[in-house]
Amino acid sequence: MFLSGDEHRGCVATAQLTELNGTPITTVHSIHTAAMYAPYPFANGIDEDIVKQETFEFDYMAKRYRCIVGAARPAPRDGATFLRVWQDGSDWKLDCEYAGAVQTLVL
């Protein structure tokens, strides 16, 4: 999991790395925190700058892999980003909350 906030916009992105036959290898989460106070909208990231869904394949050490990337953004606004890690049975989960909207990730 990566945590950043360079764009001044909230975003949760997930990349799933698999073998070509669909066998999962790993999942990576990238959380971009929203700005606490961003009075200059022209300095903030915009929705058109982000790809919401993308799938691509690549070769590494004579083997082909697939990467599936998805991203979700809450509505643009200032405010705190709250993160909460919790256990649900044998799974660990992470809640990302922006302005009352919560997205839950399975770690």
N, C-alpha and C. Protein backbone atom coordinates (compact mmCIF):
# COMPACT_ATOMS: atom_id res chain seq x y z
N MET A 1 0.84 -1.16 0.00
CA MET A 1 0.00 0.00 0.00
C MET A 1 0.89 1.23 0.00
N PHE A 2 0.52 2.22 -0.82
CA PHE A 2 1.22 3.49 -0.90
C PHE A 2 0.26 4.58 -0.44
N LEU A 3 0.78 5.60 0.22
CA LEU A 3 -0.02 6.73 0.66
C LEU A 3 0.66 8.00 0.19
N SER A 4 -0.10 8.86 -0.51
CA SER A 4 0.45 10.13 -1.01
C SER A 4 -0.65 11.18 -1.07
N GLY A 5 -0.32 12.37 -1.52
CA GLY A 5 -1.32 13.42 -1.60
C GLY A 5 -0.94 14.54 -2.54
N ASP A 6 -0.10 14.26 -3.50
CA ASP A 6 0.44 15.30 -4.38
C ASP A 6 -0.59 16.02 -5.23
N GLU A 7 -1.68 15.37 -5.55
CA GLU A 7 -2.63 15.96 -6.50
C GLU A 7 -3.67 16.87 -5.85
N HIS A 8 -3.72 16.89 -4.53
CA HIS A 8 -4.76 17.65 -3.80
C HIS A 8 -6.15 17.12 -4.08
N ARG A 9 -6.27 15.90 -4.57
CA ARG A 9 -7.56 15.24 -4.84
C ARG A 9 -7.51 13.84 -4.27
N GLY A 10 -8.59 13.44 -3.64
CA GLY A 10 -8.67 12.09 -3.14
C GLY A 10 -8.75 11.08 -4.28
N CYS A 11 -8.12 9.92 -4.09
CA CYS A 11 -8.16 8.86 -5.10
C CYS A 11 -7.73 7.56 -4.45
N VAL A 12 -8.41 6.49 -4.80
CA VAL A 12 -7.98 5.16 -4.38
C VAL A 12 -7.78 4.35 -5.66
N ALA A 13 -6.54 3.91 -5.87
CA ALA A 13 -6.21 3.12 -7.06
C ALA A 13 -5.74 1.74 -6.62
N THR A 14 -6.11 0.73 -7.40
CA THR A 14 -5.72 -0.64 -7.12
C THR A 14 -5.15 -1.25 -8.39
N ALA A 15 -4.01 -1.91 -8.25
CA ALA A 15 -3.38 -2.62 -9.38
C ALA A 15 -3.27 -4.09 -9.00
N GLN A 16 -3.86 -4.94 -9.84
CA GLN A 16 -3.81 -6.39 -9.63
C GLN A 16 -2.86 -6.99 -10.65
N LEU A 17 -1.83 -7.65 -10.17
CA LEU A 17 -0.86 -8.30 -11.04
C LEU A 17 -1.18 -9.79 -11.07
N THR A 18 -1.35 -10.33 -12.28
CA THR A 18 -1.67 -11.75 -12.45
C THR A 18 -0.80 -12.35 -13.54
N GLU A 19 -0.76 -13.69 -13.53
CA GLU A 19 -0.20 -14.39 -14.68
C GLU A 19 -1.25 -14.31 -15.78
N LEU A 20 -0.87 -14.59 -17.01
CA LEU A 20 -1.82 -14.48 -18.13
C LEU A 20 -3.03 -15.38 -17.97
N ASN A 21 -2.88 -16.51 -17.29
CA ASN A 21 -4.01 -17.42 -17.09
C ASN A 21 -4.94 -16.97 -15.96
N GLY A 22 -4.64 -15.82 -15.33
CA GLY A 22 -5.49 -15.28 -14.28
C GLY A 22 -5.03 -15.60 -12.87
N THR A 23 -4.00 -16.40 -12.71
CA THR A 23 -3.49 -16.72 -11.37
C THR A 23 -2.97 -15.45 -10.70
N PRO A 24 -3.54 -15.07 -9.55
CA PRO A 24 -3.11 -13.82 -8.89
C PRO A 24 -1.69 -13.91 -8.34
N ILE A 25 -0.97 -12.80 -8.44
CA ILE A 25 0.38 -12.69 -7.88
C ILE A 25 0.35 -11.74 -6.69
N THR A 26 -0.14 -10.53 -6.91
CA THR A 26 -0.23 -9.57 -5.82
C THR A 26 -1.19 -8.45 -6.19
N THR A 27 -1.63 -7.70 -5.19
CA THR A 27 -2.46 -6.52 -5.38
C THR A 27 -1.79 -5.36 -4.65
N VAL A 28 -1.73 -4.22 -5.32
CA VAL A 28 -1.13 -3.01 -4.76
C VAL A 28 -2.21 -1.94 -4.68
N HIS A 29 -2.29 -1.26 -3.54
CA HIS A 29 -3.24 -0.15 -3.37
C HIS A 29 -2.46 1.15 -3.25
N SER A 30 -2.95 2.19 -3.90
CA SER A 30 -2.36 3.52 -3.80
C SER A 30 -3.45 4.49 -3.38
N ILE A 31 -3.26 5.13 -2.24
CA ILE A 31 -4.26 6.05 -1.71
C ILE A 31 -3.69 7.46 -1.76
N HIS A 32 -4.40 8.33 -2.46
CA HIS A 32 -4.02 9.75 -2.54
C HIS A 32 -4.98 10.50 -1.62
N THR A 33 -4.44 11.16 -0.62
CA THR A 33 -5.30 11.88 0.31
C THR A 33 -5.82 13.16 -0.31
N ALA A 34 -6.98 13.58 0.14
CA ALA A 34 -7.55 14.85 -0.31
C ALA A 34 -6.81 15.99 0.38
N ALA A 35 -6.93 17.18 -0.16
CA ALA A 35 -6.30 18.36 0.45
C ALA A 35 -7.12 18.83 1.64
N MET A 36 -6.44 19.20 2.71
CA MET A 36 -7.14 19.79 3.85
C MET A 36 -7.70 21.16 3.47
N TYR A 37 -6.91 21.91 2.68
CA TYR A 37 -7.33 23.23 2.25
C TYR A 37 -6.63 23.52 0.93
N ALA A 38 -7.40 23.62 -0.14
CA ALA A 38 -6.83 23.86 -1.47
C ALA A 38 -7.63 24.99 -2.14
N PRO A 39 -7.28 26.23 -1.86
CA PRO A 39 -8.07 27.36 -2.36
C PRO A 39 -7.88 27.68 -3.84
N TYR A 40 -6.92 27.06 -4.50
CA TYR A 40 -6.64 27.36 -5.90
C TYR A 40 -6.94 26.14 -6.76
N PRO A 41 -8.16 26.01 -7.28
CA PRO A 41 -8.55 24.81 -8.04
C PRO A 41 -7.64 24.51 -9.23
N PHE A 42 -7.06 25.53 -9.85
CA PHE A 42 -6.20 25.29 -11.01
C PHE A 42 -4.95 24.50 -10.64
N ALA A 43 -4.59 24.42 -9.36
CA ALA A 43 -3.40 23.69 -8.92
C ALA A 43 -3.71 22.24 -8.56
N ASN A 44 -4.98 21.87 -8.60
CA ASN A 44 -5.39 20.53 -8.19
C ASN A 44 -5.51 19.61 -9.38
N GLY A 45 -5.36 18.30 -9.14
CA GLY A 45 -5.58 17.31 -10.18
C GLY A 45 -7.04 17.34 -10.62
N ILE A 46 -7.28 16.99 -11.88
CA ILE A 46 -8.65 16.96 -12.40
C ILE A 46 -8.97 15.54 -12.87
N ASP A 47 -10.27 15.22 -12.94
CA ASP A 47 -10.68 13.86 -13.31
C ASP A 47 -10.15 13.44 -14.67
N GLU A 48 -10.04 14.36 -15.60
CA GLU A 48 -9.57 14.03 -16.94
C GLU A 48 -8.11 13.58 -16.96
N ASP A 49 -7.37 13.84 -15.88
CA ASP A 49 -5.96 13.46 -15.82
C ASP A 49 -5.75 12.02 -15.35
N ILE A 50 -6.81 11.35 -14.97
CA ILE A 50 -6.66 10.00 -14.41
C ILE A 50 -7.41 8.98 -15.25
N VAL A 51 -6.82 7.83 -15.42
CA VAL A 51 -7.46 6.73 -16.14
C VAL A 51 -8.19 5.89 -15.10
N LYS A 52 -9.49 5.73 -15.27
CA LYS A 52 -10.28 5.01 -14.26
C LYS A 52 -10.09 3.50 -14.35
N GLN A 53 -9.81 2.99 -15.53
CA GLN A 53 -9.64 1.54 -15.72
C GLN A 53 -8.63 1.32 -16.84
N GLU A 54 -7.69 0.41 -16.61
CA GLU A 54 -6.70 0.09 -17.63
C GLU A 54 -6.18 -1.32 -17.41
N THR A 55 -5.99 -2.05 -18.49
CA THR A 55 -5.39 -3.37 -18.43
C THR A 55 -4.26 -3.43 -19.45
N PHE A 56 -3.11 -3.90 -19.02
CA PHE A 56 -2.00 -4.02 -19.96
C PHE A 56 -1.20 -5.27 -19.61
N GLU A 57 -0.44 -5.75 -20.58
CA GLU A 57 0.39 -6.93 -20.42
C GLU A 57 1.84 -6.54 -20.63
N PHE A 58 2.74 -7.29 -19.98
CA PHE A 58 4.16 -7.01 -20.13
C PHE A 58 4.95 -8.31 -19.92
N ASP A 59 6.18 -8.30 -20.40
CA ASP A 59 7.07 -9.45 -20.27
C ASP A 59 8.11 -9.16 -19.21
N TYR A 60 8.42 -10.20 -18.43
CA TYR A 60 9.50 -10.11 -17.45
C TYR A 60 10.13 -11.49 -17.32
N MET A 61 11.41 -11.57 -17.55
CA MET A 61 12.17 -12.81 -17.45
C MET A 61 11.51 -13.94 -18.25
N ALA A 62 11.22 -13.66 -19.51
CA ALA A 62 10.67 -14.62 -20.47
C ALA A 62 9.27 -15.12 -20.09
N LYS A 63 8.55 -14.36 -19.31
CA LYS A 63 7.19 -14.74 -18.94
C LYS A 63 6.29 -13.51 -19.11
N ARG A 64 5.04 -13.73 -19.52
CA ARG A 64 4.09 -12.64 -19.76
C ARG A 64 3.14 -12.51 -18.58
N TYR A 65 2.88 -11.26 -18.19
CA TYR A 65 2.01 -10.94 -17.05
C TYR A 65 0.94 -9.95 -17.46
N ARG A 66 -0.10 -9.84 -16.65
CA ARG A 66 -1.18 -8.88 -16.88
C ARG A 66 -1.32 -8.00 -15.63
N CYS A 67 -1.56 -6.72 -15.85
CA CYS A 67 -1.80 -5.77 -14.77
C CYS A 67 -3.14 -5.09 -15.02
N ILE A 68 -4.03 -5.17 -14.04
CA ILE A 68 -5.36 -4.57 -14.14
C ILE A 68 -5.42 -3.45 -13.11
N VAL A 69 -5.61 -2.23 -13.60
CA VAL A 69 -5.61 -1.05 -12.74
C VAL A 69 -6.99 -0.42 -12.73
N GLY A 70 -7.46 -0.06 -11.54
CA GLY A 70 -8.73 0.65 -11.40
C GLY A 70 -8.57 1.78 -10.40
N ALA A 71 -9.26 2.88 -10.64
CA ALA A 71 -9.16 4.04 -9.75
C ALA A 71 -10.54 4.63 -9.51
N ALA A 72 -10.74 5.13 -8.31
CA ALA A 72 -11.99 5.80 -7.96
C ALA A 72 -11.66 7.09 -7.24
N ARG A 73 -12.41 8.13 -7.58
CA ARG A 73 -12.21 9.44 -6.94
C ARG A 73 -13.51 9.91 -6.33
N PRO A 74 -13.45 10.41 -5.11
CA PRO A 74 -14.64 11.05 -4.56
C PRO A 74 -14.81 12.43 -5.18
N ALA A 75 -15.93 13.06 -4.92
CA ALA A 75 -16.16 14.41 -5.43
C ALA A 75 -15.07 15.35 -4.93
N PRO A 76 -14.64 16.31 -5.77
CA PRO A 76 -13.58 17.22 -5.34
C PRO A 76 -14.07 18.14 -4.23
N ARG A 77 -13.32 18.17 -3.15
CA ARG A 77 -13.58 19.11 -2.06
C ARG A 77 -12.45 19.01 -1.06
N ASP A 78 -12.33 20.02 -0.22
CA ASP A 78 -11.30 20.03 0.82
C ASP A 78 -11.78 19.19 2.00
N GLY A 79 -10.85 18.70 2.75
CA GLY A 79 -11.19 17.98 3.97
C GLY A 79 -10.19 16.89 4.30
N ALA A 80 -10.32 16.38 5.49
CA ALA A 80 -9.40 15.35 5.97
C ALA A 80 -9.69 14.01 5.33
N THR A 81 -8.66 13.21 5.24
CA THR A 81 -8.78 11.82 4.81
C THR A 81 -8.50 10.97 6.03
N PHE A 82 -9.42 10.06 6.32
CA PHE A 82 -9.27 9.19 7.48
C PHE A 82 -9.06 7.76 7.01
N LEU A 83 -8.10 7.08 7.61
CA LEU A 83 -7.81 5.69 7.29
C LEU A 83 -8.01 4.85 8.55
N ARG A 84 -8.61 3.67 8.37
CA ARG A 84 -8.83 2.77 9.50
C ARG A 84 -8.57 1.34 9.03
N VAL A 85 -7.62 0.66 9.69
CA VAL A 85 -7.31 -0.73 9.39
C VAL A 85 -8.02 -1.59 10.42
N TRP A 86 -8.66 -2.67 9.95
CA TRP A 86 -9.38 -3.54 10.87
C TRP A 86 -9.39 -4.96 10.34
N GLN A 87 -9.65 -5.90 11.24
CA GLN A 87 -9.65 -7.31 10.86
C GLN A 87 -11.09 -7.81 10.79
N ASP A 88 -11.38 -8.53 9.69
CA ASP A 88 -12.70 -9.12 9.46
C ASP A 88 -12.48 -10.61 9.22
N GLY A 89 -12.59 -11.42 10.27
CA GLY A 89 -12.26 -12.84 10.16
C GLY A 89 -10.77 -12.99 9.90
N SER A 90 -10.41 -13.65 8.82
CA SER A 90 -8.99 -13.80 8.48
C SER A 90 -8.49 -12.70 7.55
N ASP A 91 -9.37 -11.81 7.10
CA ASP A 91 -8.99 -10.71 6.20
C ASP A 91 -8.67 -9.44 6.98
N TRP A 92 -7.70 -8.69 6.47
CA TRP A 92 -7.45 -7.34 6.96
C TRP A 92 -8.05 -6.38 5.95
N LYS A 93 -8.71 -5.34 6.45
CA LYS A 93 -9.36 -4.37 5.57
C LYS A 93 -8.92 -2.96 5.94
N LEU A 94 -9.05 -2.07 4.98
CA LEU A 94 -8.69 -0.67 5.17
C LEU A 94 -9.84 0.19 4.69
N ASP A 95 -10.38 1.02 5.58
CA ASP A 95 -11.40 1.99 5.21
C ASP A 95 -10.72 3.31 4.89
N CYS A 96 -11.03 3.88 3.73
CA CYS A 96 -10.55 5.21 3.32
C CYS A 96 -11.77 6.12 3.30
N GLU A 97 -11.79 7.12 4.14
CA GLU A 97 -12.95 8.00 4.24
C GLU A 97 -12.59 9.42 3.81
N TYR A 98 -13.33 9.92 2.81
CA TYR A 98 -13.21 11.29 2.32
C TYR A 98 -14.58 11.94 2.48
N ALA A 99 -14.68 12.96 3.28
CA ALA A 99 -15.89 13.75 3.40
C ALA A 99 -17.13 12.88 3.58
N GLY A 100 -17.02 11.86 4.41
CA GLY A 100 -18.18 11.01 4.71
C GLY A 100 -18.35 9.80 3.80
N ALA A 101 -17.71 9.78 2.64
CA ALA A 101 -17.78 8.62 1.74
C ALA A 101 -16.65 7.65 2.11
N VAL A 102 -17.00 6.36 2.30
CA VAL A 102 -16.02 5.37 2.73
C VAL A 102 -15.86 4.32 1.62
N GLN A 103 -14.60 4.03 1.30
CA GLN A 103 -14.26 2.95 0.39
C GLN A 103 -13.45 1.94 1.17
N THR A 104 -13.83 0.67 1.15
CA THR A 104 -13.15 -0.38 1.90
C THR A 104 -12.31 -1.24 0.95
N LEU A 105 -11.04 -1.42 1.31
CA LEU A 105 -10.13 -2.25 0.54
C LEU A 105 -9.79 -3.49 1.34
N VAL A 106 -9.68 -4.63 0.69
CA VAL A 106 -9.21 -5.86 1.33
C VAL A 106 -7.71 -5.92 1.14
N LEU A 107 -6.98 -5.97 2.24
CA LEU A 107 -5.53 -6.04 2.16
C LEU A 107 -5.12 -7.47 2.12
